[in-house]
């Protein structure tokens, strides 16, 4: 228990220390595709969904959250993102209640872009690409506390410039005495990368907290969740979400984001048939940007 308290204190102290650098480093953070929600379950639940039991990608945003689920899920998702980009994710999540192993490969594909010289003359095309491979390990420390860690390798290609980096996430989950409740905190995107065009770009470090409660009424379950995020180059953001499970076959998901520049409402639907899960999500953006539609399929075994 003393070690858990020490880790929690170090996370909080780190948050305060790094927050002091926010103003002078604003605009110097890159690799923000790491914060794109990985799949329809997360997108529908206001970009979070870390406590949703059917979310095969929940460990990406919260390294300790999946440990006690007791399931094995293979998931694949495709999310046409903003301005003709596409976010894709292949994930594997294996939990045995006392520990969890996960691996995810995700990328943001920008499609084909024009390459012009200083005069505006078209000289060719190029395909920018962001790729990240992430592994997770989490373990139950006490009956109520879980610790988790992610380790990832990132590759970024922008025209002729490339960058290679390594990053990690730390997570802590706690099961309070209140039945069906769960509290998680995490420090994400702590890492270093090689220079891009002779310029060092910082990782988008953030400190995040999620709290949820699940209540069951016969064959119906209702999850309510609240989340907060503090990134190093932006103000604190918040979200609320809900997931309603019906007959262990249908999941209705809703979310709303507060203090986001262009995002607000999200919703989604999940259908399970035997071991196969199919999920869809919709996320609204401001009028200047297109809405996001995401589809995913998962196999639970």
C-alpha atoms as a PDB file:
ATOM      1  CA  UNK A   1       0.000   0.000   0.000  1.00  0.00           C
ATOM      2  CA  UNK A   2       2.861   2.405   0.801  1.00  0.00           C
ATOM      3  CA  UNK A   3       4.300   1.844  -2.658  1.00  0.00           C
ATOM      4  CA  UNK A   4       0.937   2.627  -4.264  1.00  0.00           C
ATOM      5  CA  UNK A   5       0.616   5.877  -2.331  1.00  0.00           C
ATOM      6  CA  UNK A   6       4.175   6.829  -3.323  1.00  0.00           C
ATOM      7  CA  UNK A   7       3.463   6.184  -7.010  1.00  0.00           C
ATOM      8  CA  UNK A   8       0.258   8.224  -6.825  1.00  0.00           C
ATOM      9  CA  UNK A   9       2.066  11.132  -5.186  1.00  0.00           C
ATOM     10  CA  UNK A  10       4.814  11.063  -7.817  1.00  0.00           C
ATOM     11  CA  UNK A  11       2.212  11.203 -10.589  1.00  0.00           C
ATOM     12  CA  UNK A  12       0.518  14.195  -9.003  1.00  0.00           C
ATOM     13  CA  UNK A  13       3.815  16.005  -8.357  1.00  0.00           C
ATOM     14  CA  UNK A  14       4.841  15.362 -11.950  1.00  0.00           C
ATOM     15  CA  UNK A  15       1.543  16.818 -13.130  1.00  0.00           C
ATOM     16  CA  UNK A  16       2.109  20.045 -11.236  1.00  0.00           C
ATOM     17  CA  UNK A  17       5.737  20.367 -12.306  1.00  0.00           C
ATOM     18  CA  UNK A  18       5.021  19.856 -15.988  1.00  0.00           C
ATOM     19  CA  UNK A  19       1.959  22.083 -15.890  1.00  0.00           C
ATOM     20  CA  UNK A  20       4.239  25.017 -15.015  1.00  0.00           C
ATOM     21  CA  UNK A  21       5.854  24.636 -18.457  1.00  0.00           C
ATOM     22  CA  UNK A  22       2.564  24.740 -20.341  1.00  0.00           C
ATOM     23  CA  UNK A  23       2.631  28.376 -21.407  1.00  0.00           C
ATOM     24  CA  UNK A  24       6.232  28.547 -22.639  1.00  0.00           C
ATOM     25  CA  UNK A  25       5.981  25.228 -24.494  1.00  0.00           C
ATOM     26  CA  UNK A  26       2.526  25.712 -26.004  1.00  0.00           C
ATOM     27  CA  UNK A  27       2.531  24.709 -29.647  1.00  0.00           C
ATOM     28  CA  UNK A  28       5.730  22.612 -29.367  1.00  0.00           C
ATOM     29  CA  UNK A  29       3.924  19.321 -28.824  1.00  0.00           C
ATOM     30  CA  UNK A  30       3.461  16.813 -31.640  1.00  0.00           C
ATOM     31  CA  UNK A  31       2.485  13.149 -32.191  1.00  0.00           C
ATOM     32  CA  UNK A  32      -1.090  14.040 -31.246  1.00  0.00           C
ATOM     33  CA  UNK A  33      -2.423  11.078 -33.189  1.00  0.00           C
ATOM     34  CA  UNK A  34      -1.636   9.150 -29.977  1.00  0.00           C
ATOM     35  CA  UNK A  35      -4.717  10.844 -28.495  1.00  0.00           C
ATOM     36  CA  UNK A  36      -7.090   9.786 -31.289  1.00  0.00           C
ATOM     37  CA  UNK A  37      -9.632   7.322 -29.766  1.00  0.00           C
ATOM     38  CA  UNK A  38      -8.865   3.792 -30.906  1.00  0.00           C
ATOM     39  CA  UNK A  39     -12.149   2.353 -32.118  1.00  0.00           C
ATOM     40  CA  UNK A  40     -15.925   2.832 -31.996  1.00  0.00           C
ATOM     41  CA  UNK A  41     -16.431   1.968 -28.325  1.00  0.00           C
ATOM     42  CA  UNK A  42     -14.061   4.719 -27.189  1.00  0.00           C
ATOM     43  CA  UNK A  43     -15.375   7.222 -29.748  1.00  0.00           C
ATOM     44  CA  UNK A  44     -19.014   6.651 -28.732  1.00  0.00           C
ATOM     45  CA  UNK A  45     -18.182   7.072 -25.034  1.00  0.00           C
ATOM     46  CA  UNK A  46     -16.847  10.634 -25.442  1.00  0.00           C
ATOM     47  CA  UNK A  47     -13.389   9.457 -26.490  1.00  0.00           C
ATOM     48  CA  UNK A  48     -12.871   7.409 -23.326  1.00  0.00           C
ATOM     49  CA  UNK A  49     -14.627   4.097 -22.564  1.00  0.00           C
ATOM     50  CA  UNK A  50     -11.693   2.872 -20.473  1.00  0.00           C
ATOM     51  CA  UNK A  51     -14.047   1.098 -18.030  1.00  0.00           C
ATOM     52  CA  UNK A  52     -16.237  -0.502 -20.696  1.00  0.00           C
ATOM     53  CA  UNK A  53     -15.743  -4.299 -20.357  1.00  0.00           C
ATOM     54  CA  UNK A  54     -16.188  -4.960 -24.084  1.00  0.00           C
ATOM     55  CA  UNK A  55     -13.586  -2.415 -25.173  1.00  0.00           C
ATOM     56  CA  UNK A  56     -10.532  -4.267 -26.491  1.00  0.00           C
ATOM     57  CA  UNK A  57      -8.570  -0.985 -26.653  1.00  0.00           C
ATOM     58  CA  UNK A  58      -9.267   0.371 -23.155  1.00  0.00           C
ATOM     59  CA  UNK A  59      -5.678  -0.331 -22.005  1.00  0.00           C
ATOM     60  CA  UNK A  60      -4.358   2.170 -24.583  1.00  0.00           C
ATOM     61  CA  UNK A  61      -5.741   5.154 -22.653  1.00  0.00           C
ATOM     62  CA  UNK A  62      -5.705   3.531 -19.175  1.00  0.00           C
ATOM     63  CA  UNK A  63      -2.991   0.875 -18.663  1.00  0.00           C
ATOM     64  CA  UNK A  64      -4.534  -0.608 -15.491  1.00  0.00           C
ATOM     65  CA  UNK A  65      -8.225  -0.600 -16.462  1.00  0.00           C
ATOM     66  CA  UNK A  66      -8.618  -4.008 -18.139  1.00  0.00           C
ATOM     67  CA  UNK A  67      -6.983  -6.197 -15.532  1.00  0.00           C
ATOM     68  CA  UNK A  68     -10.045  -7.505 -13.677  1.00  0.00           C
ATOM     69  CA  UNK A  69     -12.316  -8.147 -16.687  1.00  0.00           C
ATOM     70  CA  UNK A  70     -11.363 -11.815 -17.146  1.00  0.00           C
ATOM     71  CA  UNK A  71     -11.658 -12.039 -20.952  1.00  0.00           C
ATOM     72  CA  UNK A  72      -9.689 -12.309 -24.167  1.00  0.00           C
ATOM     73  CA  UNK A  73     -10.616 -10.055 -27.115  1.00  0.00           C
ATOM     74  CA  UNK A  74      -9.153  -9.551 -30.585  1.00  0.00           C
ATOM     75  CA  UNK A  75     -10.366  -6.314 -32.168  1.00  0.00           C
ATOM     76  CA  UNK A  76     -10.061  -4.453 -35.470  1.00  0.00           C
ATOM     77  CA  UNK A  77     -11.414  -0.946 -36.140  1.00  0.00           C
ATOM     78  CA  UNK A  78     -11.467   1.661 -38.891  1.00  0.00           C
ATOM     79  CA  UNK A  79     -12.330   5.313 -38.270  1.00  0.00           C
ATOM     80  CA  UNK A  80     -12.360   7.837 -41.121  1.00  0.00           C
ATOM     81  CA  UNK A  81     -11.042  10.830 -39.154  1.00  0.00           C
ATOM     82  CA  UNK A  82     -10.773  14.518 -39.949  1.00  0.00           C
ATOM     83  CA  UNK A  83      -9.915  16.057 -43.346  1.00  0.00           C
ATOM     84  CA  UNK A  84      -9.556  12.800 -45.287  1.00  0.00           C
ATOM     85  CA  UNK A  85      -7.440  11.005 -42.692  1.00  0.00           C
ATOM     86  CA  UNK A  86      -8.178   7.519 -41.345  1.00  0.00           C
ATOM     87  CA  UNK A  87      -7.369   5.993 -37.947  1.00  0.00           C
ATOM     88  CA  UNK A  88      -6.965   2.207 -37.809  1.00  0.00           C
ATOM     89  CA  UNK A  89      -6.288  -0.087 -34.871  1.00  0.00           C
ATOM     90  CA  UNK A  90      -5.601  -3.802 -34.406  1.00  0.00           C
ATOM     91  CA  UNK A  91      -5.641  -4.862 -30.751  1.00  0.00           C
ATOM     92  CA  UNK A  92      -5.394  -7.931 -28.531  1.00  0.00           C
ATOM     93  CA  UNK A  93      -6.450  -7.865 -24.890  1.00  0.00           C
ATOM     94  CA  UNK A  94      -6.006 -10.835 -22.527  1.00  0.00           C
ATOM     95  CA  UNK A  95      -7.069 -10.509 -18.901  1.00  0.00           C
ATOM     96  CA  UNK A  96      -6.940 -13.180 -16.191  1.00  0.00           C
ATOM     97  CA  UNK A  97      -8.351 -10.968 -13.395  1.00  0.00           C
ATOM     98  CA  UNK A  98      -5.002 -10.884 -11.586  1.00  0.00           C
ATOM     99  CA  UNK A  99      -2.991  -9.620 -14.560  1.00  0.00           C
ATOM    100  CA  UNK A 100      -3.438  -8.360 -18.122  1.00  0.00           C
ATOM    101  CA  UNK A 101      -1.435  -8.422 -21.330  1.00  0.00           C
ATOM    102  CA  UNK A 102      -2.308  -6.322 -24.346  1.00  0.00           C
ATOM    103  CA  UNK A 103      -0.827  -5.303 -27.656  1.00  0.00           C
ATOM    104  CA  UNK A 104      -2.063  -2.759 -30.175  1.00  0.00           C
ATOM    105  CA  UNK A 105      -0.905  -1.519 -33.553  1.00  0.00           C
ATOM    106  CA  UNK A 106      -2.490   1.759 -34.638  1.00  0.00           C
ATOM    107  CA  UNK A 107      -1.871   4.248 -37.390  1.00  0.00           C
ATOM    108  CA  UNK A 108      -3.170   7.513 -38.770  1.00  0.00           C
ATOM    109  CA  UNK A 109      -3.183   7.497 -42.558  1.00  0.00           C
ATOM    110  CA  UNK A 110      -3.216  10.917 -44.223  1.00  0.00           C
ATOM    111  CA  UNK A 111      -3.715   9.607 -47.752  1.00  0.00           C
ATOM    112  CA  UNK A 112      -1.876  11.064 -50.733  1.00  0.00           C
ATOM    113  CA  UNK A 113      -0.877  14.741 -50.557  1.00  0.00           C
ATOM    114  CA  UNK A 114       0.523  17.063 -53.197  1.00  0.00           C
ATOM    115  CA  UNK A 115       4.197  18.036 -53.013  1.00  0.00           C
ATOM    116  CA  UNK A 116       4.898  21.526 -54.419  1.00  0.00           C
ATOM    117  CA  UNK A 117       8.041  23.619 -54.641  1.00  0.00           C
ATOM    118  CA  UNK A 118       8.453  27.201 -53.360  1.00  0.00           C
ATOM    119  CA  UNK A 119       6.733  28.610 -56.454  1.00  0.00           C
ATOM    120  CA  UNK A 120       3.705  26.346 -56.029  1.00  0.00           C
ATOM    121  CA  UNK A 121       4.619  24.064 -58.923  1.00  0.00           C
ATOM    122  CA  UNK A 122       3.469  20.466 -58.468  1.00  0.00           C
ATOM    123  CA  UNK A 123       6.502  18.180 -58.323  1.00  0.00           C
ATOM    124  CA  UNK A 124       4.883  14.976 -57.048  1.00  0.00           C
ATOM    125  CA  UNK A 125       2.913  13.363 -54.268  1.00  0.00           C
ATOM    126  CA  UNK A 126       3.732  11.844 -50.895  1.00  0.00           C
ATOM    127  CA  UNK A 127       1.960   9.793 -48.203  1.00  0.00           C
ATOM    128  CA  UNK A 128       2.488  10.970 -44.591  1.00  0.00           C
ATOM    129  CA  UNK A 129       2.071   8.245 -42.015  1.00  0.00           C
ATOM    130  CA  UNK A 130       1.995   7.821 -38.230  1.00  0.00           C
ATOM    131  CA  UNK A 131       2.412   4.296 -36.814  1.00  0.00           C
ATOM    132  CA  UNK A 132       2.569   3.141 -33.196  1.00  0.00           C
ATOM    133  CA  UNK A 133       3.044  -0.351 -31.717  1.00  0.00           C
ATOM    134  CA  UNK A 134       2.095  -0.554 -28.046  1.00  0.00           C
ATOM    135  CA  UNK A 135       2.351  -3.333 -25.450  1.00  0.00           C
ATOM    136  CA  UNK A 136       0.665  -3.408 -22.053  1.00  0.00           C
ATOM    137  CA  UNK A 137       1.124  -5.234 -18.787  1.00  0.00           C
ATOM    138  CA  UNK A 138      -1.049  -4.731 -15.699  1.00  0.00           C
ATOM    139  CA  UNK A 139      -1.251  -6.552 -12.386  1.00  0.00           C
ATOM    140  CA  UNK A 140      -3.458  -6.654  -9.300  1.00  0.00           C
ATOM    141  CA  UNK A 141      -1.450  -5.402  -6.327  1.00  0.00           C
ATOM    142  CA  UNK A 142      -4.204  -5.755  -3.720  1.00  0.00           C
ATOM    143  CA  UNK A 143      -7.867  -6.819  -4.074  1.00  0.00           C
ATOM    144  CA  UNK A 144      -8.735  -3.157  -4.749  1.00  0.00           C
ATOM    145  CA  UNK A 145      -5.655  -1.731  -6.525  1.00  0.00           C
ATOM    146  CA  UNK A 146      -4.288  -2.415 -10.009  1.00  0.00           C
ATOM    147  CA  UNK A 147      -1.142  -1.035 -11.645  1.00  0.00           C
ATOM    148  CA  UNK A 148      -0.396  -0.992 -15.347  1.00  0.00           C
ATOM    149  CA  UNK A 149       2.247   0.198 -17.787  1.00  0.00           C
ATOM    150  CA  UNK A 150       2.354   0.656 -21.564  1.00  0.00           C
ATOM    151  CA  UNK A 151       5.498   0.735 -23.696  1.00  0.00           C
ATOM    152  CA  UNK A 152       5.343   1.842 -27.308  1.00  0.00           C
ATOM    153  CA  UNK A 153       7.492   2.490 -30.381  1.00  0.00           C
ATOM    154  CA  UNK A 154       6.418   5.228 -32.764  1.00  0.00           C
ATOM    155  CA  UNK A 155       7.343   5.965 -36.385  1.00  0.00           C
ATOM    156  CA  UNK A 156       6.359   9.170 -38.187  1.00  0.00           C
ATOM    157  CA  UNK A 157       6.889  10.032 -41.856  1.00  0.00           C
ATOM    158  CA  UNK A 158       6.269  13.535 -43.224  1.00  0.00           C
ATOM    159  CA  UNK A 159       7.314  13.764 -46.870  1.00  0.00           C
ATOM    160  CA  UNK A 160      11.091  13.127 -46.730  1.00  0.00           C
ATOM    161  CA  UNK A 161      11.413  13.683 -42.960  1.00  0.00           C
ATOM    162  CA  UNK A 162      11.054  10.776 -40.554  1.00  0.00           C
ATOM    163  CA  UNK A 163      11.065  10.386 -36.788  1.00  0.00           C
ATOM    164  CA  UNK A 164      11.402   7.390 -34.459  1.00  0.00           C
ATOM    165  CA  UNK A 165      10.424   7.491 -30.803  1.00  0.00           C
ATOM    166  CA  UNK A 166       9.658   5.492 -27.669  1.00  0.00           C
ATOM    167  CA  UNK A 167       6.966   6.309 -25.129  1.00  0.00           C
ATOM    168  CA  UNK A 168       5.253   4.928 -22.050  1.00  0.00           C
ATOM    169  CA  UNK A 169       2.029   5.318 -20.055  1.00  0.00           C
ATOM    170  CA  UNK A 170       1.460   4.646 -16.339  1.00  0.00           C
ATOM    171  CA  UNK A 171      -1.908   3.769 -14.842  1.00  0.00           C
ATOM    172  CA  UNK A 172      -3.523   3.081 -11.469  1.00  0.00           C
ATOM    173  CA  UNK A 173      -7.051   1.728 -10.910  1.00  0.00           C
ATOM    174  CA  UNK A 174      -8.910   1.514  -7.617  1.00  0.00           C
ATOM    175  CA  UNK A 175     -12.154  -0.285  -6.759  1.00  0.00           C
ATOM    176  CA  UNK A 176     -13.864   1.775  -4.022  1.00  0.00           C
ATOM    177  CA  UNK A 177     -16.145   0.165  -1.404  1.00  0.00           C
ATOM    178  CA  UNK A 178     -19.193   1.434  -3.329  1.00  0.00           C
ATOM    179  CA  UNK A 179     -20.484  -1.503  -5.398  1.00  0.00           C
ATOM    180  CA  UNK A 180     -19.886  -1.213  -9.139  1.00  0.00           C
ATOM    181  CA  UNK A 181     -17.576   1.806  -8.848  1.00  0.00           C
ATOM    182  CA  UNK A 182     -14.127   2.247 -10.325  1.00  0.00           C
ATOM    183  CA  UNK A 183     -11.580   5.073 -10.244  1.00  0.00           C
ATOM    184  CA  UNK A 184      -8.542   5.295 -12.526  1.00  0.00           C
ATOM    185  CA  UNK A 185      -5.754   7.811 -13.088  1.00  0.00           C
ATOM    186  CA  UNK A 186      -3.004   7.764 -15.684  1.00  0.00           C
ATOM    187  CA  UNK A 187       0.019   9.664 -16.966  1.00  0.00           C
ATOM    188  CA  UNK A 188       0.217   9.231 -20.734  1.00  0.00           C
ATOM    189  CA  UNK A 189       2.615   9.869 -23.598  1.00  0.00           C
ATOM    190  CA  UNK A 190       5.833  10.158 -21.633  1.00  0.00           C
ATOM    191  CA  UNK A 191       8.569   9.724 -24.199  1.00  0.00           C
ATOM    192  CA  UNK A 192      11.429  10.833 -26.422  1.00  0.00           C
ATOM    193  CA  UNK A 193      11.818  10.879 -30.203  1.00  0.00           C
ATOM    194  CA  UNK A 194      14.468  11.708 -32.762  1.00  0.00           C
ATOM    195  CA  UNK A 195      14.412  15.135 -34.407  1.00  0.00           C
ATOM    196  CA  UNK A 196      12.130  15.890 -37.365  1.00  0.00           C
ATOM    197  CA  UNK A 197      13.650  18.393 -39.824  1.00  0.00           C
ATOM    198  CA  UNK A 198      16.318  19.193 -37.218  1.00  0.00           C
ATOM    199  CA  UNK A 199      13.623  20.161 -34.697  1.00  0.00           C
ATOM    200  CA  UNK A 200      12.770  18.347 -31.462  1.00  0.00           C
ATOM    201  CA  UNK A 201       9.047  17.824 -30.977  1.00  0.00           C
ATOM    202  CA  UNK A 202       7.660  16.983 -27.537  1.00  0.00           C
ATOM    203  CA  UNK A 203       5.192  14.201 -26.841  1.00  0.00           C
ATOM    204  CA  UNK A 204       1.643  15.349 -25.912  1.00  0.00           C
ATOM    205  CA  UNK A 205       1.912  14.358 -22.258  1.00  0.00           C
ATOM    206  CA  UNK A 206      -1.397  14.352 -20.401  1.00  0.00           C
ATOM    207  CA  UNK A 207      -2.783  13.433 -16.995  1.00  0.00           C
ATOM    208  CA  UNK A 208      -6.162  11.753 -17.003  1.00  0.00           C
ATOM    209  CA  UNK A 209      -8.768  10.540 -14.519  1.00  0.00           C
ATOM    210  CA  UNK A 210     -11.866   8.376 -15.003  1.00  0.00           C
ATOM    211  CA  UNK A 211     -14.580   7.409 -12.539  1.00  0.00           C
ATOM    212  CA  UNK A 212     -17.511   5.140 -13.292  1.00  0.00           C
ATOM    213  CA  UNK A 213     -20.332   3.211 -11.703  1.00  0.00           C
ATOM    214  CA  UNK A 214     -22.203   0.193 -13.093  1.00  0.00           C
ATOM    215  CA  UNK A 215     -25.627  -0.903 -11.850  1.00  0.00           C
ATOM    216  CA  UNK A 216     -27.508  -4.015 -12.974  1.00  0.00           C
ATOM    217  CA  UNK A 217     -31.268  -4.391 -13.188  1.00  0.00           C
ATOM    218  CA  UNK A 218     -32.015  -7.953 -14.191  1.00  0.00           C
ATOM    219  CA  UNK A 219     -30.595  -8.419 -17.692  1.00  0.00           C
ATOM    220  CA  UNK A 220     -29.978  -4.680 -18.096  1.00  0.00           C
ATOM    221  CA  UNK A 221     -26.800  -2.904 -17.011  1.00  0.00           C
ATOM    222  CA  UNK A 222     -26.186   0.840 -16.901  1.00  0.00           C
ATOM    223  CA  UNK A 223     -22.722   2.430 -16.696  1.00  0.00           C
ATOM    224  CA  UNK A 224     -22.231   6.127 -15.986  1.00  0.00           C
ATOM    225  CA  UNK A 225     -18.754   7.642 -16.305  1.00  0.00           C
ATOM    226  CA  UNK A 226     -17.015  10.991 -15.895  1.00  0.00           C
ATOM    227  CA  UNK A 227     -13.508  11.800 -17.161  1.00  0.00           C
ATOM    228  CA  UNK A 228     -11.041  14.672 -16.943  1.00  0.00           C
ATOM    229  CA  UNK A 229      -7.912  15.343 -19.027  1.00  0.00           C
ATOM    230  CA  UNK A 230      -5.145  17.914 -18.526  1.00  0.00           C
ATOM    231  CA  UNK A 231      -2.734  18.162 -21.436  1.00  0.00           C
ATOM    232  CA  UNK A 232       0.474  20.174 -21.314  1.00  0.00           C
ATOM    233  CA  UNK A 233      -0.506  22.600 -24.078  1.00  0.00           C
ATOM    234  CA  UNK A 234      -4.224  23.003 -23.418  1.00  0.00           C
ATOM    235  CA  UNK A 235      -6.819  23.710 -20.740  1.00  0.00           C
ATOM    236  CA  UNK A 236      -8.467  20.940 -18.742  1.00  0.00           C
ATOM    237  CA  UNK A 237     -11.187  19.053 -20.599  1.00  0.00           C
ATOM    238  CA  UNK A 238     -14.055  16.936 -19.273  1.00  0.00           C
ATOM    239  CA  UNK A 239     -16.573  14.410 -20.536  1.00  0.00           C
ATOM    240  CA  UNK A 240     -19.569  12.371 -19.405  1.00  0.00           C
ATOM    241  CA  UNK A 241     -20.709   9.088 -20.935  1.00  0.00           C
ATOM    242  CA  UNK A 242     -23.145   6.240 -20.454  1.00  0.00           C
ATOM    243  CA  UNK A 243     -23.384   2.670 -21.714  1.00  0.00           C
ATOM    244  CA  UNK A 244     -26.599   0.650 -21.467  1.00  0.00           C
ATOM    245  CA  UNK A 245     -26.379  -3.118 -21.972  1.00  0.00           C
ATOM    246  CA  UNK A 246     -29.507  -5.057 -22.931  1.00  0.00           C
ATOM    247  CA  UNK A 247     -29.780  -8.868 -22.672  1.00  0.00           C
ATOM    248  CA  UNK A 248     -25.997  -9.231 -23.074  1.00  0.00           C
ATOM    249  CA  UNK A 249     -26.556  -8.641 -26.788  1.00  0.00           C
ATOM    250  CA  UNK A 250     -27.041  -4.918 -27.438  1.00  0.00           C
ATOM    251  CA  UNK A 251     -25.094  -1.936 -26.085  1.00  0.00           C
ATOM    252  CA  UNK A 252     -26.280   1.656 -26.428  1.00  0.00           C
ATOM    253  CA  UNK A 253     -23.575   4.280 -25.877  1.00  0.00           C
ATOM    254  CA  UNK A 254     -23.707   8.049 -25.433  1.00  0.00           C
ATOM    255  CA  UNK A 255     -21.166  10.749 -24.583  1.00  0.00           C
ATOM    256  CA  UNK A 256     -20.657  14.486 -24.372  1.00  0.00           C
ATOM    257  CA  UNK A 257     -17.433  16.514 -24.204  1.00  0.00           C
ATOM    258  CA  UNK A 258     -16.914  19.822 -22.391  1.00  0.00           C
ATOM    259  CA  UNK A 259     -14.283  22.494 -23.136  1.00  0.00           C
ATOM    260  CA  UNK A 260     -13.191  20.863 -26.400  1.00  0.00           C
ATOM    261  CA  UNK A 261     -12.473  23.198 -29.307  1.00  0.00           C
ATOM    262  CA  UNK A 262     -14.596  21.407 -31.916  1.00  0.00           C
ATOM    263  CA  UNK A 263     -16.064  18.247 -30.339  1.00  0.00           C
ATOM    264  CA  UNK A 264     -19.223  17.618 -28.321  1.00  0.00           C
ATOM    265  CA  UNK A 265     -21.836  14.883 -28.818  1.00  0.00           C
ATOM    266  CA  UNK A 266     -21.109  11.223 -29.557  1.00  0.00           C
ATOM    267  CA  UNK A 267     -23.187   8.039 -29.702  1.00  0.00           C
ATOM    268  CA  UNK A 268     -22.859   4.426 -30.721  1.00  0.00           C
ATOM    269  CA  UNK A 269     -24.357   0.971 -30.969  1.00  0.00           C
ATOM    270  CA  UNK A 270     -22.878  -2.445 -30.266  1.00  0.00           C
ATOM    271  CA  UNK A 271     -24.361  -5.823 -31.195  1.00  0.00           C
ATOM    272  CA  UNK A 272     -23.005  -9.149 -29.916  1.00  0.00           C
ATOM    273  CA  UNK A 273     -23.793 -12.535 -31.450  1.00  0.00           C
ATOM    274  CA  UNK A 274     -22.167 -15.397 -29.623  1.00  0.00           C
ATOM    275  CA  UNK A 275     -18.464 -14.475 -29.617  1.00  0.00           C
ATOM    276  CA  UNK A 276     -18.568 -11.801 -32.315  1.00  0.00           C
ATOM    277  CA  UNK A 277     -19.096  -8.102 -31.492  1.00  0.00           C
ATOM    278  CA  UNK A 278     -19.838  -5.424 -34.080  1.00  0.00           C
ATOM    279  CA  UNK A 279     -19.663  -1.781 -32.975  1.00  0.00           C
ATOM    280  CA  UNK A 280     -20.489   1.535 -34.604  1.00  0.00           C
ATOM    281  CA  UNK A 281     -19.895   5.095 -33.377  1.00  0.00           C
ATOM    282  CA  UNK A 282     -20.738   8.628 -34.442  1.00  0.00           C
ATOM    283  CA  UNK A 283     -18.972  11.752 -33.159  1.00  0.00           C
ATOM    284  CA  UNK A 284     -20.089  15.288 -34.011  1.00  0.00           C
ATOM    285  CA  UNK A 285     -17.585  18.055 -34.743  1.00  0.00           C
ATOM    286  CA  UNK A 286     -18.004  21.753 -35.476  1.00  0.00           C
ATOM    287  CA  UNK A 287     -19.442  22.871 -38.821  1.00  0.00           C
ATOM    288  CA  UNK A 288     -15.965  23.434 -40.295  1.00  0.00           C
ATOM    289  CA  UNK A 289     -15.046  19.760 -39.774  1.00  0.00           C
ATOM    290  CA  UNK A 290     -16.714  16.552 -40.861  1.00  0.00           C
ATOM    291  CA  UNK A 291     -18.468  14.230 -38.430  1.00  0.00           C
ATOM    292  CA  UNK A 292     -16.656  10.979 -37.627  1.00  0.00           C
ATOM    293  CA  UNK A 293     -18.117   7.524 -38.239  1.00  0.00           C
ATOM    294  CA  UNK A 294     -16.279   4.491 -36.864  1.00  0.00           C
ATOM    295  CA  UNK A 295     -16.830   0.762 -37.325  1.00  0.00           C
ATOM    296  CA  UNK A 296     -15.174  -2.123 -35.530  1.00  0.00           C
ATOM    297  CA  UNK A 297     -15.397  -5.871 -35.110  1.00  0.00           C
ATOM    298  CA  UNK A 298     -14.142  -7.924 -32.177  1.00  0.00           C
ATOM    299  CA  UNK A 299     -13.887 -11.636 -31.405  1.00  0.00           C
ATOM    300  CA  UNK A 300     -14.147 -12.669 -27.746  1.00  0.00           C
ATOM    301  CA  UNK A 301     -12.713 -16.058 -26.844  1.00  0.00           C
END
